[in-house]
């Protein structure tokens, strides 16, 4: 019952309110909203902001793939080589993320600035031309997303790898499988649920992110999260913002549904 009350109060009721708001019409003068069941708001918003949706899909997908490539070796080493210091290494992985999300992104702004620690050193060494820049580009946004959501990828991968019985790997070696073949034939298949969970848990929040784009990006790489934020807080167009939020939620639910069908919903709960 406590879990049910929690879900109803903090998930179901806000969800119903948001969906109801997306079907209302608000007066631009008084901001008073009335329920009109205006379903055409959904296709019109998708038509208006399809570019931002595609940009968000591209940024979130690429950042998630980067996190998978970076996190898998790290999680593998902690799981199989960490020994009795596994908890320490996991803590070191999470320590930077005890700092505020916005502060971490602003630090990335300093790092990627034209004369910052990274680009400034490369320009001084003559490796990059003095006119090179990274900020206000898609690369800066993807880098920020990949960094900020790295734990969402690393932790599910670690859980999946740590649960593998070492005797299975020993049995593979006893059957004359080398390290590479044992990795491909034993470790990777057993880690597939963790890979899917890591992808989903990273992609969904990255898809709706707007902080990284606003701080690190420019006007040519606007994400759908930025559009939603502007609709609610700048334009005060609540039905449009709610409709876009509902579409964003639908994309996330489709991904969760596909995961549940392919892997199983119980497995996802074990990795969260």
C-alpha atoms as a PDB file:
ATOM      1  CA  UNK A   1       0.000   0.000   0.000  1.00  0.00           C
ATOM      2  CA  UNK A   2       2.746   2.606   0.723  1.00  0.00           C
ATOM      3  CA  UNK A   3       4.275   1.972  -2.697  1.00  0.00           C
ATOM      4  CA  UNK A   4       0.857   2.233  -4.333  1.00  0.00           C
ATOM      5  CA  UNK A   5       0.102   5.545  -2.594  1.00  0.00           C
ATOM      6  CA  UNK A   6       3.518   6.856  -3.614  1.00  0.00           C
ATOM      7  CA  UNK A   7       2.953   5.962  -7.279  1.00  0.00           C
ATOM      8  CA  UNK A   8      -0.572   7.372  -7.352  1.00  0.00           C
ATOM      9  CA  UNK A   9       0.387  10.664  -5.675  1.00  0.00           C
ATOM     10  CA  UNK A  10       3.672  11.342  -7.462  1.00  0.00           C
ATOM     11  CA  UNK A  11       3.219   9.574 -10.796  1.00  0.00           C
ATOM     12  CA  UNK A  12      -0.354   8.792 -11.776  1.00  0.00           C
ATOM     13  CA  UNK A  13      -2.002  12.070 -10.684  1.00  0.00           C
ATOM     14  CA  UNK A  14       0.650  14.337 -12.303  1.00  0.00           C
ATOM     15  CA  UNK A  15       0.453  12.193 -15.446  1.00  0.00           C
ATOM     16  CA  UNK A  16      -3.329  12.565 -15.652  1.00  0.00           C
ATOM     17  CA  UNK A  17      -3.031  16.321 -15.052  1.00  0.00           C
ATOM     18  CA  UNK A  18      -0.445  16.648 -17.828  1.00  0.00           C
ATOM     19  CA  UNK A  19      -2.515  14.614 -20.304  1.00  0.00           C
ATOM     20  CA  UNK A  20      -5.622  16.613 -19.395  1.00  0.00           C
ATOM     21  CA  UNK A  21      -3.733  19.872 -19.895  1.00  0.00           C
ATOM     22  CA  UNK A  22      -2.586  18.780 -23.353  1.00  0.00           C
ATOM     23  CA  UNK A  23      -6.270  18.558 -24.389  1.00  0.00           C
ATOM     24  CA  UNK A  24      -7.190  22.028 -23.116  1.00  0.00           C
ATOM     25  CA  UNK A  25      -7.297  25.425 -24.779  1.00  0.00           C
ATOM     26  CA  UNK A  26      -5.894  28.403 -22.872  1.00  0.00           C
ATOM     27  CA  UNK A  27      -6.721  32.064 -23.365  1.00  0.00           C
ATOM     28  CA  UNK A  28      -3.590  34.120 -24.231  1.00  0.00           C
ATOM     29  CA  UNK A  29      -4.978  37.061 -22.240  1.00  0.00           C
ATOM     30  CA  UNK A  30      -6.195  35.523 -18.984  1.00  0.00           C
ATOM     31  CA  UNK A  31      -4.278  32.198 -19.223  1.00  0.00           C
ATOM     32  CA  UNK A  32      -7.524  30.485 -18.214  1.00  0.00           C
ATOM     33  CA  UNK A  33      -7.743  26.955 -19.644  1.00  0.00           C
ATOM     34  CA  UNK A  34     -10.850  25.008 -20.593  1.00  0.00           C
ATOM     35  CA  UNK A  35     -11.167  21.347 -21.514  1.00  0.00           C
ATOM     36  CA  UNK A  36     -11.823  21.223 -25.292  1.00  0.00           C
ATOM     37  CA  UNK A  37     -10.420  17.770 -26.133  1.00  0.00           C
ATOM     38  CA  UNK A  38      -8.284  19.387 -28.805  1.00  0.00           C
ATOM     39  CA  UNK A  39      -6.523  16.248 -30.104  1.00  0.00           C
ATOM     40  CA  UNK A  40      -5.055  18.068 -33.090  1.00  0.00           C
ATOM     41  CA  UNK A  41      -2.497  19.621 -30.728  1.00  0.00           C
ATOM     42  CA  UNK A  42      -0.421  16.434 -30.882  1.00  0.00           C
ATOM     43  CA  UNK A  43       0.129  16.185 -34.672  1.00  0.00           C
ATOM     44  CA  UNK A  44       0.566  19.956 -34.958  1.00  0.00           C
ATOM     45  CA  UNK A  45       3.277  20.000 -32.277  1.00  0.00           C
ATOM     46  CA  UNK A  46       5.069  17.029 -33.861  1.00  0.00           C
ATOM     47  CA  UNK A  47       4.924  18.789 -37.239  1.00  0.00           C
ATOM     48  CA  UNK A  48       6.275  22.022 -35.791  1.00  0.00           C
ATOM     49  CA  UNK A  49       9.109  20.479 -33.780  1.00  0.00           C
ATOM     50  CA  UNK A  50       9.987  17.272 -35.641  1.00  0.00           C
ATOM     51  CA  UNK A  51      13.493  18.621 -36.233  1.00  0.00           C
ATOM     52  CA  UNK A  52      14.050  19.012 -32.498  1.00  0.00           C
ATOM     53  CA  UNK A  53      12.729  15.491 -31.914  1.00  0.00           C
ATOM     54  CA  UNK A  54      15.178  14.061 -34.455  1.00  0.00           C
ATOM     55  CA  UNK A  55      18.017  16.115 -32.981  1.00  0.00           C
ATOM     56  CA  UNK A  56      17.212  14.790 -29.501  1.00  0.00           C
ATOM     57  CA  UNK A  57      17.094  11.216 -30.795  1.00  0.00           C
ATOM     58  CA  UNK A  58      20.473  11.665 -32.466  1.00  0.00           C
ATOM     59  CA  UNK A  59      22.157  13.340 -29.486  1.00  0.00           C
ATOM     60  CA  UNK A  60      20.730  10.926 -26.901  1.00  0.00           C
ATOM     61  CA  UNK A  61      21.445   7.846 -29.038  1.00  0.00           C
ATOM     62  CA  UNK A  62      25.047   8.828 -29.754  1.00  0.00           C
ATOM     63  CA  UNK A  63      25.727   9.830 -26.141  1.00  0.00           C
ATOM     64  CA  UNK A  64      24.289   6.497 -24.965  1.00  0.00           C
ATOM     65  CA  UNK A  65      26.488   4.544 -27.369  1.00  0.00           C
ATOM     66  CA  UNK A  66      29.542   6.473 -26.152  1.00  0.00           C
ATOM     67  CA  UNK A  67      28.630   5.661 -22.561  1.00  0.00           C
ATOM     68  CA  UNK A  68      28.277   1.967 -23.415  1.00  0.00           C
ATOM     69  CA  UNK A  69      31.701   1.874 -25.067  1.00  0.00           C
ATOM     70  CA  UNK A  70      33.338   3.729 -22.160  1.00  0.00           C
ATOM     71  CA  UNK A  71      31.458   2.024 -19.322  1.00  0.00           C
ATOM     72  CA  UNK A  72      31.725  -1.613 -20.389  1.00  0.00           C
ATOM     73  CA  UNK A  73      35.528  -1.978 -19.912  1.00  0.00           C
ATOM     74  CA  UNK A  74      35.330  -0.014 -16.677  1.00  0.00           C
ATOM     75  CA  UNK A  75      32.457  -2.101 -15.294  1.00  0.00           C
ATOM     76  CA  UNK A  76      34.160  -5.294 -16.481  1.00  0.00           C
ATOM     77  CA  UNK A  77      37.394  -4.425 -14.694  1.00  0.00           C
ATOM     78  CA  UNK A  78      35.605  -3.548 -11.438  1.00  0.00           C
ATOM     79  CA  UNK A  79      33.495  -6.712 -11.543  1.00  0.00           C
ATOM     80  CA  UNK A  80      36.306  -9.169 -12.331  1.00  0.00           C
ATOM     81  CA  UNK A  81      39.467  -7.393 -11.170  1.00  0.00           C
ATOM     82  CA  UNK A  82      38.252  -5.115  -8.380  1.00  0.00           C
ATOM     83  CA  UNK A  83      38.604  -7.732  -5.652  1.00  0.00           C
ATOM     84  CA  UNK A  84      37.662  -6.534  -2.188  1.00  0.00           C
ATOM     85  CA  UNK A  85      37.896  -2.896  -3.353  1.00  0.00           C
ATOM     86  CA  UNK A  86      34.862  -3.034  -5.642  1.00  0.00           C
ATOM     87  CA  UNK A  87      32.822  -0.746  -3.406  1.00  0.00           C
ATOM     88  CA  UNK A  88      35.654   1.784  -3.321  1.00  0.00           C
ATOM     89  CA  UNK A  89      35.915   1.893  -7.116  1.00  0.00           C
ATOM     90  CA  UNK A  90      32.154   2.232  -7.448  1.00  0.00           C
ATOM     91  CA  UNK A  91      32.224   5.090  -4.936  1.00  0.00           C
ATOM     92  CA  UNK A  92      34.989   6.805  -6.930  1.00  0.00           C
ATOM     93  CA  UNK A  93      32.804   6.441 -10.003  1.00  0.00           C
ATOM     94  CA  UNK A  94      29.902   8.164  -8.259  1.00  0.00           C
ATOM     95  CA  UNK A  95      31.749  10.853  -6.264  1.00  0.00           C
ATOM     96  CA  UNK A  96      31.787  13.462  -9.092  1.00  0.00           C
ATOM     97  CA  UNK A  97      28.040  13.045  -9.433  1.00  0.00           C
ATOM     98  CA  UNK A  98      27.413  14.148  -5.872  1.00  0.00           C
ATOM     99  CA  UNK A  99      27.852  17.658  -7.276  1.00  0.00           C
ATOM    100  CA  UNK A 100      24.857  19.447  -8.786  1.00  0.00           C
ATOM    101  CA  UNK A 101      23.942  18.507 -12.355  1.00  0.00           C
ATOM    102  CA  UNK A 102      24.012  22.159 -13.445  1.00  0.00           C
ATOM    103  CA  UNK A 103      27.380  22.846 -11.795  1.00  0.00           C
ATOM    104  CA  UNK A 104      28.955  19.838 -13.540  1.00  0.00           C
ATOM    105  CA  UNK A 105      27.650  21.079 -16.882  1.00  0.00           C
ATOM    106  CA  UNK A 106      28.972  24.605 -16.260  1.00  0.00           C
ATOM    107  CA  UNK A 107      32.386  23.090 -15.474  1.00  0.00           C
ATOM    108  CA  UNK A 108      32.246  21.393 -18.878  1.00  0.00           C
ATOM    109  CA  UNK A 109      31.581  24.844 -20.334  1.00  0.00           C
ATOM    110  CA  UNK A 110      34.871  26.068 -18.827  1.00  0.00           C
ATOM    111  CA  UNK A 111      36.732  22.962 -20.003  1.00  0.00           C
ATOM    112  CA  UNK A 112      35.467  23.242 -23.581  1.00  0.00           C
ATOM    113  CA  UNK A 113      35.789  27.022 -23.861  1.00  0.00           C
ATOM    114  CA  UNK A 114      37.992  28.401 -26.629  1.00  0.00           C
ATOM    115  CA  UNK A 115      40.872  29.199 -24.277  1.00  0.00           C
ATOM    116  CA  UNK A 116      40.094  26.618 -21.620  1.00  0.00           C
ATOM    117  CA  UNK A 117      42.222  23.834 -20.183  1.00  0.00           C
ATOM    118  CA  UNK A 118      41.664  21.500 -23.120  1.00  0.00           C
ATOM    119  CA  UNK A 119      41.475  23.669 -26.234  1.00  0.00           C
ATOM    120  CA  UNK A 120      43.844  26.304 -24.867  1.00  0.00           C
ATOM    121  CA  UNK A 121      46.588  23.727 -24.338  1.00  0.00           C
ATOM    122  CA  UNK A 122      46.097  22.229 -27.814  1.00  0.00           C
ATOM    123  CA  UNK A 123      46.179  25.683 -29.411  1.00  0.00           C
ATOM    124  CA  UNK A 124      49.338  26.618 -27.501  1.00  0.00           C
ATOM    125  CA  UNK A 125      50.984  23.404 -28.694  1.00  0.00           C
ATOM    126  CA  UNK A 126      50.047  24.191 -32.291  1.00  0.00           C
ATOM    127  CA  UNK A 127      47.879  21.093 -32.619  1.00  0.00           C
ATOM    128  CA  UNK A 128      44.703  23.111 -33.226  1.00  0.00           C
ATOM    129  CA  UNK A 129      44.295  26.427 -35.068  1.00  0.00           C
ATOM    130  CA  UNK A 130      43.514  29.467 -32.938  1.00  0.00           C
ATOM    131  CA  UNK A 131      40.043  29.760 -34.469  1.00  0.00           C
ATOM    132  CA  UNK A 132      38.937  26.253 -33.422  1.00  0.00           C
ATOM    133  CA  UNK A 133      36.026  26.009 -31.012  1.00  0.00           C
ATOM    134  CA  UNK A 134      33.821  23.307 -29.509  1.00  0.00           C
ATOM    135  CA  UNK A 135      31.188  25.208 -27.549  1.00  0.00           C
ATOM    136  CA  UNK A 136      27.868  25.887 -29.273  1.00  0.00           C
ATOM    137  CA  UNK A 137      28.296  22.734 -31.365  1.00  0.00           C
ATOM    138  CA  UNK A 138      26.564  19.368 -31.359  1.00  0.00           C
ATOM    139  CA  UNK A 139      29.805  17.747 -30.185  1.00  0.00           C
ATOM    140  CA  UNK A 140      29.777  19.776 -26.973  1.00  0.00           C
ATOM    141  CA  UNK A 141      26.170  18.784 -26.224  1.00  0.00           C
ATOM    142  CA  UNK A 142      26.861  15.100 -26.879  1.00  0.00           C
ATOM    143  CA  UNK A 143      29.975  15.236 -24.682  1.00  0.00           C
ATOM    144  CA  UNK A 144      27.976  16.819 -21.855  1.00  0.00           C
ATOM    145  CA  UNK A 145      25.201  14.250 -22.146  1.00  0.00           C
ATOM    146  CA  UNK A 146      27.670  11.361 -22.215  1.00  0.00           C
ATOM    147  CA  UNK A 147      29.455  12.626 -19.107  1.00  0.00           C
ATOM    148  CA  UNK A 148      26.392  13.516 -17.052  1.00  0.00           C
ATOM    149  CA  UNK A 149      24.603  10.206 -17.671  1.00  0.00           C
ATOM    150  CA  UNK A 150      27.620   7.898 -17.423  1.00  0.00           C
ATOM    151  CA  UNK A 151      26.553   6.294 -14.078  1.00  0.00           C
ATOM    152  CA  UNK A 152      23.174   5.386 -15.586  1.00  0.00           C
ATOM    153  CA  UNK A 153      25.121   3.153 -17.970  1.00  0.00           C
ATOM    154  CA  UNK A 154      27.972   1.939 -15.784  1.00  0.00           C
ATOM    155  CA  UNK A 155      25.961   0.710 -12.804  1.00  0.00           C
ATOM    156  CA  UNK A 156      23.541  -1.612 -14.687  1.00  0.00           C
ATOM    157  CA  UNK A 157      26.480  -3.011 -16.634  1.00  0.00           C
ATOM    158  CA  UNK A 158      28.386  -3.643 -13.413  1.00  0.00           C
ATOM    159  CA  UNK A 159      25.381  -5.416 -11.864  1.00  0.00           C
ATOM    160  CA  UNK A 160      25.024  -7.650 -14.926  1.00  0.00           C
ATOM    161  CA  UNK A 161      28.742  -8.495 -15.022  1.00  0.00           C
ATOM    162  CA  UNK A 162      29.059  -9.011 -11.273  1.00  0.00           C
ATOM    163  CA  UNK A 163      26.230 -11.563 -11.334  1.00  0.00           C
ATOM    164  CA  UNK A 164      28.063 -13.808 -13.825  1.00  0.00           C
ATOM    165  CA  UNK A 165      29.268 -17.010 -12.167  1.00  0.00           C
ATOM    166  CA  UNK A 166      33.084 -17.195 -12.634  1.00  0.00           C
ATOM    167  CA  UNK A 167      32.778 -20.973 -12.949  1.00  0.00           C
ATOM    168  CA  UNK A 168      31.083 -20.482 -16.320  1.00  0.00           C
ATOM    169  CA  UNK A 169      34.163 -18.680 -17.623  1.00  0.00           C
ATOM    170  CA  UNK A 170      36.412 -21.371 -16.169  1.00  0.00           C
ATOM    171  CA  UNK A 171      34.285 -24.007 -17.903  1.00  0.00           C
ATOM    172  CA  UNK A 172      34.705 -22.146 -21.191  1.00  0.00           C
ATOM    173  CA  UNK A 173      38.479 -22.188 -20.734  1.00  0.00           C
ATOM    174  CA  UNK A 174      38.349 -25.896 -19.883  1.00  0.00           C
ATOM    175  CA  UNK A 175      36.609 -26.418 -23.225  1.00  0.00           C
ATOM    176  CA  UNK A 176      39.596 -24.772 -24.962  1.00  0.00           C
ATOM    177  CA  UNK A 177      38.041 -21.343 -25.425  1.00  0.00           C
ATOM    178  CA  UNK A 178      40.504 -18.475 -25.330  1.00  0.00           C
ATOM    179  CA  UNK A 179      39.842 -15.191 -23.560  1.00  0.00           C
ATOM    180  CA  UNK A 180      38.339 -13.571 -26.634  1.00  0.00           C
ATOM    181  CA  UNK A 181      36.071 -16.496 -27.444  1.00  0.00           C
ATOM    182  CA  UNK A 182      34.969 -16.857 -23.817  1.00  0.00           C
ATOM    183  CA  UNK A 183      34.189 -13.146 -23.751  1.00  0.00           C
ATOM    184  CA  UNK A 184      32.140 -13.290 -26.958  1.00  0.00           C
ATOM    185  CA  UNK A 185      30.378 -16.596 -26.288  1.00  0.00           C
ATOM    186  CA  UNK A 186      29.847 -16.429 -22.511  1.00  0.00           C
ATOM    187  CA  UNK A 187      30.216 -12.953 -21.022  1.00  0.00           C
ATOM    188  CA  UNK A 188      28.497 -10.873 -23.698  1.00  0.00           C
ATOM    189  CA  UNK A 189      25.348 -13.063 -23.974  1.00  0.00           C
ATOM    190  CA  UNK A 190      24.958 -13.100 -20.190  1.00  0.00           C
ATOM    191  CA  UNK A 191      25.350  -9.307 -20.118  1.00  0.00           C
ATOM    192  CA  UNK A 192      22.736  -8.573 -22.793  1.00  0.00           C
ATOM    193  CA  UNK A 193      19.953  -7.776 -20.256  1.00  0.00           C
ATOM    194  CA  UNK A 194      22.282  -5.337 -18.514  1.00  0.00           C
ATOM    195  CA  UNK A 195      23.245  -3.735 -21.831  1.00  0.00           C
ATOM    196  CA  UNK A 196      19.591  -3.196 -22.738  1.00  0.00           C
ATOM    197  CA  UNK A 197      18.812  -1.846 -19.276  1.00  0.00           C
ATOM    198  CA  UNK A 198      21.825   0.491 -19.399  1.00  0.00           C
ATOM    199  CA  UNK A 199      20.807   1.745 -22.844  1.00  0.00           C
ATOM    200  CA  UNK A 200      17.241   2.398 -21.743  1.00  0.00           C
ATOM    201  CA  UNK A 201      18.131   4.031 -18.416  1.00  0.00           C
ATOM    202  CA  UNK A 202      20.602   6.342 -20.188  1.00  0.00           C
ATOM    203  CA  UNK A 203      18.696   7.120 -23.367  1.00  0.00           C
ATOM    204  CA  UNK A 204      15.363   8.074 -21.767  1.00  0.00           C
ATOM    205  CA  UNK A 205      16.640  10.915 -19.504  1.00  0.00           C
ATOM    206  CA  UNK A 206      19.164  12.071 -22.130  1.00  0.00           C
ATOM    207  CA  UNK A 207      16.379  12.290 -24.714  1.00  0.00           C
ATOM    208  CA  UNK A 208      14.440  14.785 -22.600  1.00  0.00           C
ATOM    209  CA  UNK A 209      17.451  16.735 -21.320  1.00  0.00           C
ATOM    210  CA  UNK A 210      17.679  20.485 -21.909  1.00  0.00           C
ATOM    211  CA  UNK A 211      20.359  21.679 -19.470  1.00  0.00           C
ATOM    212  CA  UNK A 212      23.306  20.445 -21.558  1.00  0.00           C
ATOM    213  CA  UNK A 213      21.920  21.969 -24.736  1.00  0.00           C
ATOM    214  CA  UNK A 214      21.267  25.350 -23.127  1.00  0.00           C
ATOM    215  CA  UNK A 215      24.699  25.587 -21.492  1.00  0.00           C
ATOM    216  CA  UNK A 216      26.923  23.829 -24.040  1.00  0.00           C
ATOM    217  CA  UNK A 217      24.959  24.072 -27.277  1.00  0.00           C
ATOM    218  CA  UNK A 218      23.933  26.798 -29.662  1.00  0.00           C
ATOM    219  CA  UNK A 219      20.792  27.854 -31.479  1.00  0.00           C
ATOM    220  CA  UNK A 220      21.317  25.336 -34.295  1.00  0.00           C
ATOM    221  CA  UNK A 221      21.102  22.200 -32.121  1.00  0.00           C
ATOM    222  CA  UNK A 222      18.014  22.764 -29.980  1.00  0.00           C
ATOM    223  CA  UNK A 223      16.656  19.636 -28.275  1.00  0.00           C
ATOM    224  CA  UNK A 224      13.006  18.922 -27.615  1.00  0.00           C
ATOM    225  CA  UNK A 225      13.548  19.310 -23.858  1.00  0.00           C
ATOM    226  CA  UNK A 226      14.518  22.943 -24.435  1.00  0.00           C
ATOM    227  CA  UNK A 227      11.340  23.501 -26.475  1.00  0.00           C
ATOM    228  CA  UNK A 228       9.202  22.033 -23.681  1.00  0.00           C
ATOM    229  CA  UNK A 229      10.940  24.160 -21.073  1.00  0.00           C
ATOM    230  CA  UNK A 230      10.364  27.302 -23.144  1.00  0.00           C
ATOM    231  CA  UNK A 231       6.712  26.436 -23.752  1.00  0.00           C
ATOM    232  CA  UNK A 232       6.046  26.102 -20.026  1.00  0.00           C
ATOM    233  CA  UNK A 233       8.240  28.816 -18.521  1.00  0.00           C
ATOM    234  CA  UNK A 234       8.774  31.374 -21.294  1.00  0.00           C
ATOM    235  CA  UNK A 235       5.792  31.246 -23.654  1.00  0.00           C
ATOM    236  CA  UNK A 236       3.343  30.076 -20.958  1.00  0.00           C
ATOM    237  CA  UNK A 237       1.771  27.807 -23.581  1.00  0.00           C
ATOM    238  CA  UNK A 238       0.850  24.978 -21.234  1.00  0.00           C
ATOM    239  CA  UNK A 239      -1.192  22.825 -23.657  1.00  0.00           C
ATOM    240  CA  UNK A 240       1.617  22.782 -26.210  1.00  0.00           C
ATOM    241  CA  UNK A 241       4.212  21.968 -23.552  1.00  0.00           C
ATOM    242  CA  UNK A 242       2.003  19.227 -22.113  1.00  0.00           C
ATOM    243  CA  UNK A 243       1.380  17.771 -25.589  1.00  0.00           C
ATOM    244  CA  UNK A 244       5.119  17.646 -26.311  1.00  0.00           C
ATOM    245  CA  UNK A 245       5.725  16.104 -22.892  1.00  0.00           C
ATOM    246  CA  UNK A 246       3.111  13.442 -23.630  1.00  0.00           C
ATOM    247  CA  UNK A 247       4.816  12.603 -26.926  1.00  0.00           C
ATOM    248  CA  UNK A 248       8.145  12.410 -25.121  1.00  0.00           C
ATOM    249  CA  UNK A 249       6.600  10.106 -22.533  1.00  0.00           C
ATOM    250  CA  UNK A 250       5.113   7.933 -25.294  1.00  0.00           C
ATOM    251  CA  UNK A 251       8.569   7.453 -26.833  1.00  0.00           C
ATOM    252  CA  UNK A 252       9.946   6.385 -23.445  1.00  0.00           C
ATOM    253  CA  UNK A 253       7.046   3.992 -22.852  1.00  0.00           C
ATOM    254  CA  UNK A 254       7.545   2.413 -26.277  1.00  0.00           C
ATOM    255  CA  UNK A 255      11.186   1.748 -25.396  1.00  0.00           C
ATOM    256  CA  UNK A 256      10.226   0.256 -22.019  1.00  0.00           C
ATOM    257  CA  UNK A 257       7.528  -1.890 -23.656  1.00  0.00           C
ATOM    258  CA  UNK A 258       9.979  -3.238 -26.240  1.00  0.00           C
ATOM    259  CA  UNK A 259      12.489  -3.982 -23.490  1.00  0.00           C
ATOM    260  CA  UNK A 260       9.863  -5.814 -21.457  1.00  0.00           C
ATOM    261  CA  UNK A 261       8.855  -7.868 -24.479  1.00  0.00           C
ATOM    262  CA  UNK A 262      12.410  -8.764 -25.473  1.00  0.00           C
ATOM    263  CA  UNK A 263      14.087  -9.167 -22.077  1.00  0.00           C
ATOM    264  CA  UNK A 264      11.419  -9.049 -19.388  1.00  0.00           C
ATOM    265  CA  UNK A 265      10.205  -6.291 -17.089  1.00  0.00           C
ATOM    266  CA  UNK A 266      11.457  -8.100 -13.975  1.00  0.00           C
ATOM    267  CA  UNK A 267      15.040  -7.903 -15.260  1.00  0.00           C
ATOM    268  CA  UNK A 268      14.817  -4.125 -15.581  1.00  0.00           C
ATOM    269  CA  UNK A 269      13.681  -3.813 -11.948  1.00  0.00           C
ATOM    270  CA  UNK A 270      16.714  -5.810 -10.842  1.00  0.00           C
ATOM    271  CA  UNK A 271      19.099  -3.353 -12.492  1.00  0.00           C
ATOM    272  CA  UNK A 272      17.447  -0.145 -11.265  1.00  0.00           C
END
